[in-house]
Amino acid sequence: MIKVYEKMEGYCQQFQQYWKQWKENTPLFWIQLKFQWFNFKEYLKVIFFYYRNLSFLKSDTLLLLSYLFQNPYRMNKEFLKKRGEEVVDVYGETPLTTFEEIVSKCQITPKDNFYELGAGRGRTCFWLHSFIGCKVIGLEIIPQFVTIANQIVEKKHLKNIHFENVNFLNYDCKDATVIYLYGICLKDEDLVQLIQQLKKLPQGTKFITISFPLTEYTQEPLFEVTSCFQGRFPWGIADVYLQYRK
């Protein structure tokens, strides 16, 4: 009887452990499922709404094929690990349907010089080049992303779009008329450093930021927030801020 009791007690402990693990992992499972469902719906929308544009169809197809056997999320994570960063799961891309809404509400025109800080694979840059036709510069710190994006630019003979492998915290975007920053995971000290670069830009320069306005990171009267609206991202709804250099 003692041995039977000990076995039953062991089974109960195992069950408690399995139950605890299940409760801990279930929320993560549903989050991942929701994330994948969002991306699937977004992919279908991109095909339906944007692949009618032949230029974008060609560049986007090449871009997706380039990452068929290499995951950009994993590439970003490995790069950050090598740099010794503590937080490495920070890669994200603006959904193109959300980006279209941002571009429309912020009145981006073919006359603009558009800089994306942290361009990732460059998908939004290719979309902007194809549908708006303005000059587009993508700044990205991960060399592989920049190499692949510039190879597509060269292969398709695209004009007024290029990518630079730089740390945008130290880059002078002196000819920019619009700067886009989807930097929700940037450290406070990084944003303070970035503002030291942005303050050099002329009056009237547009800044588009996700989740926060630049005014939160400086006491100087450098920026004026003119509008705020919501955008949909894989992780949820976020505020989009349009501000100008005073």
C-alpha atoms as a PDB file:
ATOM      1  CA  MET A   1       0.000   0.000   0.000  1.00  0.00           C
ATOM      2  CA  ILE A   2       2.844   2.369   0.751  1.00  0.00           C
ATOM      3  CA  LYS A   3       4.366   1.836  -2.699  1.00  0.00           C
ATOM      4  CA  VAL A   4       0.976   2.402  -4.352  1.00  0.00           C
ATOM      5  CA  TYR A   5       0.528   5.588  -2.354  1.00  0.00           C
ATOM      6  CA  GLU A   6       3.995   6.818  -3.350  1.00  0.00           C
ATOM      7  CA  LYS A   7       3.255   6.140  -7.013  1.00  0.00           C
ATOM      8  CA  MET A   8      -0.071   7.976  -6.789  1.00  0.00           C
ATOM      9  CA  GLU A   9       1.642  10.902  -5.107  1.00  0.00           C
ATOM     10  CA  GLY A  10       4.254  10.965  -7.884  1.00  0.00           C
ATOM     11  CA  TYR A  11       1.542  10.936 -10.542  1.00  0.00           C
ATOM     12  CA  CYS A  12      -0.223  13.820  -8.813  1.00  0.00           C
ATOM     13  CA  GLN A  13       2.974  15.860  -8.719  1.00  0.00           C
ATOM     14  CA  GLN A  14       3.594  15.208 -12.422  1.00  0.00           C
ATOM     15  CA  PHE A  15       0.016  16.203 -13.218  1.00  0.00           C
ATOM     16  CA  GLN A  16       0.417  19.428 -11.237  1.00  0.00           C
ATOM     17  CA  GLN A  17       3.590  20.228 -13.162  1.00  0.00           C
ATOM     18  CA  TYR A  18       1.930  19.537 -16.516  1.00  0.00           C
ATOM     19  CA  TRP A  19      -1.082  21.628 -15.489  1.00  0.00           C
ATOM     20  CA  LYS A  20       1.156  24.517 -14.449  1.00  0.00           C
ATOM     21  CA  GLN A  21       3.085  24.369 -17.745  1.00  0.00           C
ATOM     22  CA  TRP A  22      -0.163  24.234 -19.723  1.00  0.00           C
ATOM     23  CA  LYS A  23      -1.530  27.319 -17.956  1.00  0.00           C
ATOM     24  CA  GLU A  24       1.730  29.187 -18.560  1.00  0.00           C
ATOM     25  CA  ASN A  25       2.007  28.253 -22.248  1.00  0.00           C
ATOM     26  CA  THR A  26      -1.640  28.588 -23.268  1.00  0.00           C
ATOM     27  CA  PRO A  27      -1.687  32.432 -23.352  1.00  0.00           C
ATOM     28  CA  LEU A  28       1.513  32.420 -25.429  1.00  0.00           C
ATOM     29  CA  PHE A  29      -0.027  29.891 -27.815  1.00  0.00           C
ATOM     30  CA  TRP A  30      -3.079  32.082 -28.401  1.00  0.00           C
ATOM     31  CA  ILE A  31      -0.910  35.164 -28.878  1.00  0.00           C
ATOM     32  CA  GLN A  32       1.145  33.356 -31.516  1.00  0.00           C
ATOM     33  CA  LEU A  33      -2.007  32.055 -33.182  1.00  0.00           C
ATOM     34  CA  LYS A  34      -3.492  35.561 -33.265  1.00  0.00           C
ATOM     35  CA  PHE A  35      -0.232  36.923 -34.675  1.00  0.00           C
ATOM     36  CA  GLN A  36      -0.138  34.296 -37.448  1.00  0.00           C
ATOM     37  CA  TRP A  37      -3.801  34.905 -38.325  1.00  0.00           C
ATOM     38  CA  PHE A  38      -3.162  38.650 -38.589  1.00  0.00           C
ATOM     39  CA  ASN A  39      -0.181  38.075 -40.896  1.00  0.00           C
ATOM     40  CA  PHE A  40      -2.172  35.668 -43.061  1.00  0.00           C
ATOM     41  CA  LYS A  41      -5.007  38.151 -43.530  1.00  0.00           C
ATOM     42  CA  GLU A  42      -2.489  40.919 -44.217  1.00  0.00           C
ATOM     43  CA  TYR A  43      -0.793  38.796 -46.876  1.00  0.00           C
ATOM     44  CA  LEU A  44      -4.105  38.230 -48.666  1.00  0.00           C
ATOM     45  CA  LYS A  45      -4.859  41.962 -48.567  1.00  0.00           C
ATOM     46  CA  VAL A  46      -1.441  42.760 -50.008  1.00  0.00           C
ATOM     47  CA  ILE A  47      -2.031  40.395 -52.934  1.00  0.00           C
ATOM     48  CA  PHE A  48      -5.515  41.749 -53.607  1.00  0.00           C
ATOM     49  CA  PHE A  49      -4.836  45.483 -53.177  1.00  0.00           C
ATOM     50  CA  TYR A  50      -1.199  45.974 -54.123  1.00  0.00           C
ATOM     51  CA  TYR A  51      -0.098  43.295 -56.569  1.00  0.00           C
ATOM     52  CA  ARG A  52      -1.970  45.091 -59.326  1.00  0.00           C
ATOM     53  CA  ASN A  53       0.986  47.459 -59.339  1.00  0.00           C
ATOM     54  CA  LEU A  54       3.505  45.624 -61.517  1.00  0.00           C
ATOM     55  CA  SER A  55       6.533  47.417 -60.074  1.00  0.00           C
ATOM     56  CA  PHE A  56       5.601  46.490 -56.520  1.00  0.00           C
ATOM     57  CA  LEU A  57       4.634  42.949 -57.539  1.00  0.00           C
ATOM     58  CA  LYS A  58       8.109  42.363 -58.941  1.00  0.00           C
ATOM     59  CA  SER A  59      10.062  43.926 -56.080  1.00  0.00           C
ATOM     60  CA  ASP A  60       7.918  42.352 -53.358  1.00  0.00           C
ATOM     61  CA  THR A  61       8.080  38.909 -54.944  1.00  0.00           C
ATOM     62  CA  LEU A  62      11.868  39.117 -55.114  1.00  0.00           C
ATOM     63  CA  LEU A  63      11.970  40.298 -51.521  1.00  0.00           C
ATOM     64  CA  LEU A  64       9.808  37.441 -50.233  1.00  0.00           C
ATOM     65  CA  LEU A  65      11.786  34.874 -52.235  1.00  0.00           C
ATOM     66  CA  SER A  66      15.024  36.236 -50.786  1.00  0.00           C
ATOM     67  CA  TYR A  67      13.773  35.345 -47.295  1.00  0.00           C
ATOM     68  CA  LEU A  68      12.208  32.039 -48.228  1.00  0.00           C
ATOM     69  CA  PHE A  69      14.934  30.067 -46.415  1.00  0.00           C
ATOM     70  CA  GLN A  70      16.010  32.675 -43.886  1.00  0.00           C
ATOM     71  CA  ASN A  71      13.774  34.229 -41.272  1.00  0.00           C
ATOM     72  CA  PRO A  72      14.198  38.005 -40.774  1.00  0.00           C
ATOM     73  CA  TYR A  73      13.088  37.712 -37.146  1.00  0.00           C
ATOM     74  CA  ARG A  74      15.805  35.131 -36.482  1.00  0.00           C
ATOM     75  CA  MET A  75      18.390  37.153 -38.416  1.00  0.00           C
ATOM     76  CA  ASN A  76      17.587  40.213 -36.326  1.00  0.00           C
ATOM     77  CA  LYS A  77      17.740  38.196 -33.097  1.00  0.00           C
ATOM     78  CA  GLU A  78      21.130  36.694 -33.937  1.00  0.00           C
ATOM     79  CA  PHE A  79      22.530  40.101 -34.855  1.00  0.00           C
ATOM     80  CA  LEU A  80      21.416  41.629 -31.563  1.00  0.00           C
ATOM     81  CA  LYS A  81      22.804  38.673 -29.606  1.00  0.00           C
ATOM     82  CA  LYS A  82      26.218  39.191 -31.214  1.00  0.00           C
ATOM     83  CA  ARG A  83      26.065  42.850 -30.194  1.00  0.00           C
ATOM     84  CA  GLY A  84      25.458  41.779 -26.614  1.00  0.00           C
ATOM     85  CA  GLU A  85      21.990  43.314 -26.376  1.00  0.00           C
ATOM     86  CA  GLU A  86      19.813  42.186 -23.475  1.00  0.00           C
ATOM     87  CA  VAL A  87      16.517  42.497 -25.386  1.00  0.00           C
ATOM     88  CA  VAL A  88      16.721  40.647 -28.710  1.00  0.00           C
ATOM     89  CA  ASP A  89      13.082  39.960 -29.669  1.00  0.00           C
ATOM     90  CA  VAL A  90      12.379  43.409 -31.051  1.00  0.00           C
ATOM     91  CA  TYR A  91      11.944  42.985 -34.799  1.00  0.00           C
ATOM     92  CA  GLY A  92       8.738  44.268 -36.343  1.00  0.00           C
ATOM     93  CA  GLU A  93       7.432  45.561 -39.657  1.00  0.00           C
ATOM     94  CA  THR A  94       4.628  48.014 -40.317  1.00  0.00           C
ATOM     95  CA  PRO A  95       1.751  46.193 -42.089  1.00  0.00           C
ATOM     96  CA  LEU A  96       1.397  47.640 -45.582  1.00  0.00           C
ATOM     97  CA  THR A  97      -2.316  48.315 -45.164  1.00  0.00           C
ATOM     98  CA  THR A  98      -1.534  50.317 -42.021  1.00  0.00           C
ATOM     99  CA  PHE A  99       1.360  52.026 -43.779  1.00  0.00           C
ATOM    100  CA  GLU A 100      -0.923  53.109 -46.620  1.00  0.00           C
ATOM    101  CA  GLU A 101      -3.243  54.756 -44.100  1.00  0.00           C
ATOM    102  CA  ILE A 102      -0.298  56.508 -42.433  1.00  0.00           C
ATOM    103  CA  VAL A 103       1.030  57.771 -45.761  1.00  0.00           C
ATOM    104  CA  SER A 104      -2.408  59.056 -46.732  1.00  0.00           C
ATOM    105  CA  LYS A 105      -3.174  60.827 -43.447  1.00  0.00           C
ATOM    106  CA  CYS A 106       0.313  62.350 -43.267  1.00  0.00           C
ATOM    107  CA  GLN A 107       0.015  63.545 -46.880  1.00  0.00           C
ATOM    108  CA  ILE A 108       3.219  62.099 -48.259  1.00  0.00           C
ATOM    109  CA  THR A 109       3.731  63.270 -51.857  1.00  0.00           C
ATOM    110  CA  PRO A 110       6.062  62.459 -54.780  1.00  0.00           C
ATOM    111  CA  LYS A 111       8.051  65.601 -53.881  1.00  0.00           C
ATOM    112  CA  ASP A 112       9.118  64.260 -50.480  1.00  0.00           C
ATOM    113  CA  ASN A 113      12.452  62.792 -49.423  1.00  0.00           C
ATOM    114  CA  PHE A 114      11.309  59.989 -47.148  1.00  0.00           C
ATOM    115  CA  TYR A 115      13.685  58.385 -44.634  1.00  0.00           C
ATOM    116  CA  GLU A 116      12.743  55.243 -42.733  1.00  0.00           C
ATOM    117  CA  LEU A 117      14.807  54.787 -39.583  1.00  0.00           C
ATOM    118  CA  GLY A 118      15.183  51.061 -39.032  1.00  0.00           C
ATOM    119  CA  ALA A 119      13.941  49.897 -42.424  1.00  0.00           C
ATOM    120  CA  GLY A 120      14.318  46.165 -41.757  1.00  0.00           C
ATOM    121  CA  ARG A 121      13.847  44.237 -44.998  1.00  0.00           C
ATOM    122  CA  GLY A 122      12.713  47.440 -46.679  1.00  0.00           C
ATOM    123  CA  ARG A 123       9.233  46.305 -47.651  1.00  0.00           C
ATOM    124  CA  THR A 124       7.526  49.571 -46.732  1.00  0.00           C
ATOM    125  CA  CYS A 125      10.219  51.460 -48.654  1.00  0.00           C
ATOM    126  CA  PHE A 126       9.515  49.442 -51.804  1.00  0.00           C
ATOM    127  CA  TRP A 127       5.782  50.019 -51.357  1.00  0.00           C
ATOM    128  CA  LEU A 128       6.254  53.763 -50.973  1.00  0.00           C
ATOM    129  CA  HIS A 129       8.508  53.921 -54.026  1.00  0.00           C
ATOM    130  CA  SER A 130       5.969  52.022 -56.147  1.00  0.00           C
ATOM    131  CA  PHE A 131       2.774  53.771 -55.048  1.00  0.00           C
ATOM    132  CA  ILE A 132       3.842  57.311 -54.150  1.00  0.00           C
ATOM    133  CA  GLY A 133       6.982  57.726 -56.232  1.00  0.00           C
ATOM    134  CA  CYS A 134       8.930  59.903 -53.799  1.00  0.00           C
ATOM    135  CA  LYS A 135      12.619  59.527 -53.025  1.00  0.00           C
ATOM    136  CA  VAL A 136      13.039  56.806 -50.396  1.00  0.00           C
ATOM    137  CA  ILE A 137      16.047  56.082 -48.205  1.00  0.00           C
ATOM    138  CA  GLY A 138      16.019  53.139 -45.815  1.00  0.00           C
ATOM    139  CA  LEU A 139      18.493  53.219 -42.933  1.00  0.00           C
ATOM    140  CA  GLU A 140      19.214  49.837 -41.380  1.00  0.00           C
ATOM    141  CA  ILE A 141      21.935  48.548 -39.060  1.00  0.00           C
ATOM    142  CA  ILE A 142      21.755  44.868 -40.097  1.00  0.00           C
ATOM    143  CA  PRO A 143      24.037  44.360 -43.131  1.00  0.00           C
ATOM    144  CA  GLN A 144      22.165  41.377 -44.622  1.00  0.00           C
ATOM    145  CA  PHE A 145      18.912  43.338 -44.845  1.00  0.00           C
ATOM    146  CA  VAL A 146      20.624  46.210 -46.641  1.00  0.00           C
ATOM    147  CA  THR A 147      22.516  43.937 -49.031  1.00  0.00           C
ATOM    148  CA  ILE A 148      19.392  42.063 -50.121  1.00  0.00           C
ATOM    149  CA  ALA A 149      17.329  45.250 -50.514  1.00  0.00           C
ATOM    150  CA  ASN A 150      19.997  46.983 -52.616  1.00  0.00           C
ATOM    151  CA  GLN A 151      20.376  43.867 -54.782  1.00  0.00           C
ATOM    152  CA  ILE A 152      16.672  44.120 -55.619  1.00  0.00           C
ATOM    153  CA  VAL A 153      17.066  47.828 -56.378  1.00  0.00           C
ATOM    154  CA  GLU A 154      19.912  47.082 -58.783  1.00  0.00           C
ATOM    155  CA  LYS A 155      18.251  44.048 -60.359  1.00  0.00           C
ATOM    156  CA  LYS A 156      15.020  45.922 -61.119  1.00  0.00           C
ATOM    157  CA  HIS A 157      16.871  49.147 -62.053  1.00  0.00           C
ATOM    158  CA  LEU A 158      14.847  51.203 -59.580  1.00  0.00           C
ATOM    159  CA  LYS A 159      15.509  54.915 -59.246  1.00  0.00           C
ATOM    160  CA  ASN A 160      15.214  57.196 -56.209  1.00  0.00           C
ATOM    161  CA  ILE A 161      15.370  54.385 -53.685  1.00  0.00           C
ATOM    162  CA  HIS A 162      18.367  53.010 -51.831  1.00  0.00           C
ATOM    163  CA  PHE A 163      19.355  51.532 -48.505  1.00  0.00           C
ATOM    164  CA  GLU A 164      22.280  52.365 -46.252  1.00  0.00           C
ATOM    165  CA  ASN A 165      23.879  50.169 -43.620  1.00  0.00           C
ATOM    166  CA  VAL A 166      24.221  52.680 -40.787  1.00  0.00           C
ATOM    167  CA  ASN A 167      23.218  53.289 -37.202  1.00  0.00           C
ATOM    168  CA  PHE A 168      20.507  55.897 -37.662  1.00  0.00           C
ATOM    169  CA  LEU A 169      21.187  57.307 -34.197  1.00  0.00           C
ATOM    170  CA  ASN A 170      24.329  58.881 -35.643  1.00  0.00           C
ATOM    171  CA  TYR A 171      23.143  59.590 -39.190  1.00  0.00           C
ATOM    172  CA  ASP A 172      22.497  63.065 -40.559  1.00  0.00           C
ATOM    173  CA  CYS A 173      19.277  62.998 -42.618  1.00  0.00           C
ATOM    174  CA  LYS A 174      20.004  66.515 -43.840  1.00  0.00           C
ATOM    175  CA  ASP A 175      17.847  66.393 -46.996  1.00  0.00           C
ATOM    176  CA  ALA A 176      14.852  64.649 -45.407  1.00  0.00           C
ATOM    177  CA  THR A 177      11.378  66.148 -45.642  1.00  0.00           C
ATOM    178  CA  VAL A 178       9.742  63.167 -43.877  1.00  0.00           C
ATOM    179  CA  ILE A 179      11.177  60.789 -41.284  1.00  0.00           C
ATOM    180  CA  TYR A 180       9.378  57.618 -40.245  1.00  0.00           C
ATOM    181  CA  LEU A 181      10.274  55.812 -37.022  1.00  0.00           C
ATOM    182  CA  TYR A 182       8.641  52.561 -35.943  1.00  0.00           C
ATOM    183  CA  GLY A 183      10.959  52.310 -32.946  1.00  0.00           C
ATOM    184  CA  ILE A 184       8.697  51.091 -30.194  1.00  0.00           C
ATOM    185  CA  CYS A 185      11.524  49.122 -28.536  1.00  0.00           C
ATOM    186  CA  LEU A 186      14.165  51.842 -28.552  1.00  0.00           C
ATOM    187  CA  LYS A 187      15.704  52.740 -25.220  1.00  0.00           C
ATOM    188  CA  ASP A 188      15.018  56.165 -23.741  1.00  0.00           C
ATOM    189  CA  GLU A 189      18.682  57.125 -24.029  1.00  0.00           C
ATOM    190  CA  ASP A 190      18.650  56.147 -27.719  1.00  0.00           C
ATOM    191  CA  LEU A 191      15.707  58.440 -28.384  1.00  0.00           C
ATOM    192  CA  VAL A 192      17.410  61.293 -26.557  1.00  0.00           C
ATOM    193  CA  GLN A 193      20.489  60.737 -28.732  1.00  0.00           C
ATOM    194  CA  LEU A 194      18.349  60.579 -31.878  1.00  0.00           C
ATOM    195  CA  ILE A 195      16.703  63.893 -31.082  1.00  0.00           C
ATOM    196  CA  GLN A 196      20.139  65.531 -31.075  1.00  0.00           C
ATOM    197  CA  GLN A 197      20.356  64.554 -34.754  1.00  0.00           C
ATOM    198  CA  LEU A 198      16.778  65.466 -35.600  1.00  0.00           C
ATOM    199  CA  LYS A 199      17.079  68.931 -34.086  1.00  0.00           C
ATOM    200  CA  LYS A 200      19.550  69.790 -36.869  1.00  0.00           C
ATOM    201  CA  LEU A 201      16.842  69.421 -39.509  1.00  0.00           C
ATOM    202  CA  PRO A 202      15.101  72.505 -40.922  1.00  0.00           C
ATOM    203  CA  GLN A 203      11.776  73.917 -39.836  1.00  0.00           C
ATOM    204  CA  GLY A 204       8.803  72.107 -41.364  1.00  0.00           C
ATOM    205  CA  THR A 205      10.370  68.637 -41.496  1.00  0.00           C
ATOM    206  CA  LYS A 206       7.739  65.962 -40.828  1.00  0.00           C
ATOM    207  CA  PHE A 207       8.256  63.224 -38.254  1.00  0.00           C
ATOM    208  CA  ILE A 208       6.013  60.171 -37.981  1.00  0.00           C
ATOM    209  CA  THR A 209       6.420  58.030 -34.872  1.00  0.00           C
ATOM    210  CA  ILE A 210       4.557  55.021 -33.519  1.00  0.00           C
ATOM    211  CA  SER A 211       3.288  54.817 -29.899  1.00  0.00           C
ATOM    212  CA  PHE A 212       5.022  57.982 -28.670  1.00  0.00           C
ATOM    213  CA  PRO A 213       5.620  61.606 -29.719  1.00  0.00           C
ATOM    214  CA  LEU A 214       9.141  63.014 -29.841  1.00  0.00           C
ATOM    215  CA  THR A 215       8.078  65.727 -27.399  1.00  0.00           C
ATOM    216  CA  GLU A 216       8.215  63.157 -24.588  1.00  0.00           C
ATOM    217  CA  TYR A 217      11.994  62.922 -24.897  1.00  0.00           C
ATOM    218  CA  THR A 218      13.055  66.534 -24.930  1.00  0.00           C
ATOM    219  CA  GLN A 219      12.280  69.631 -22.897  1.00  0.00           C
ATOM    220  CA  GLU A 220      13.258  71.894 -25.772  1.00  0.00           C
ATOM    221  CA  PRO A 221      10.409  73.272 -27.913  1.00  0.00           C
ATOM    222  CA  LEU A 222      11.657  71.460 -31.010  1.00  0.00           C
ATOM    223  CA  PHE A 223       8.575  69.635 -32.259  1.00  0.00           C
ATOM    224  CA  GLU A 224       4.878  70.316 -32.623  1.00  0.00           C
ATOM    225  CA  VAL A 225       2.431  67.410 -32.678  1.00  0.00           C
ATOM    226  CA  THR A 226      -0.269  68.236 -35.212  1.00  0.00           C
ATOM    227  CA  SER A 227      -2.254  65.018 -35.282  1.00  0.00           C
ATOM    228  CA  CYS A 228      -2.591  61.616 -33.646  1.00  0.00           C
ATOM    229  CA  PHE A 229      -4.541  58.668 -34.995  1.00  0.00           C
ATOM    230  CA  GLN A 230      -4.607  54.925 -34.449  1.00  0.00           C
ATOM    231  CA  GLY A 231      -3.007  52.218 -36.573  1.00  0.00           C
ATOM    232  CA  ARG A 232      -3.338  48.446 -36.513  1.00  0.00           C
ATOM    233  CA  PHE A 233      -0.229  46.330 -35.938  1.00  0.00           C
ATOM    234  CA  PRO A 234       0.233  42.581 -35.381  1.00  0.00           C
ATOM    235  CA  TRP A 235       0.542  43.145 -31.635  1.00  0.00           C
ATOM    236  CA  GLY A 236      -2.462  45.479 -31.362  1.00  0.00           C
ATOM    237  CA  ILE A 237      -3.650  49.057 -31.866  1.00  0.00           C
ATOM    238  CA  ALA A 238      -1.110  51.875 -31.467  1.00  0.00           C
ATOM    239  CA  ASP A 239      -1.150  55.653 -31.706  1.00  0.00           C
ATOM    240  CA  VAL A 240       0.538  57.217 -34.723  1.00  0.00           C
ATOM    241  CA  TYR A 241       1.921  60.727 -34.184  1.00  0.00           C
ATOM    242  CA  LEU A 242       2.548  63.321 -36.872  1.00  0.00           C
ATOM    243  CA  GLN A 243       4.781  66.162 -35.753  1.00  0.00           C
ATOM    244  CA  TYR A 244       6.770  68.951 -37.371  1.00  0.00           C
ATOM    245  CA  ARG A 245      10.111  70.555 -36.628  1.00  0.00           C
ATOM    246  CA  LYS A 246       9.376  74.016 -35.251  1.00  0.00           C
END
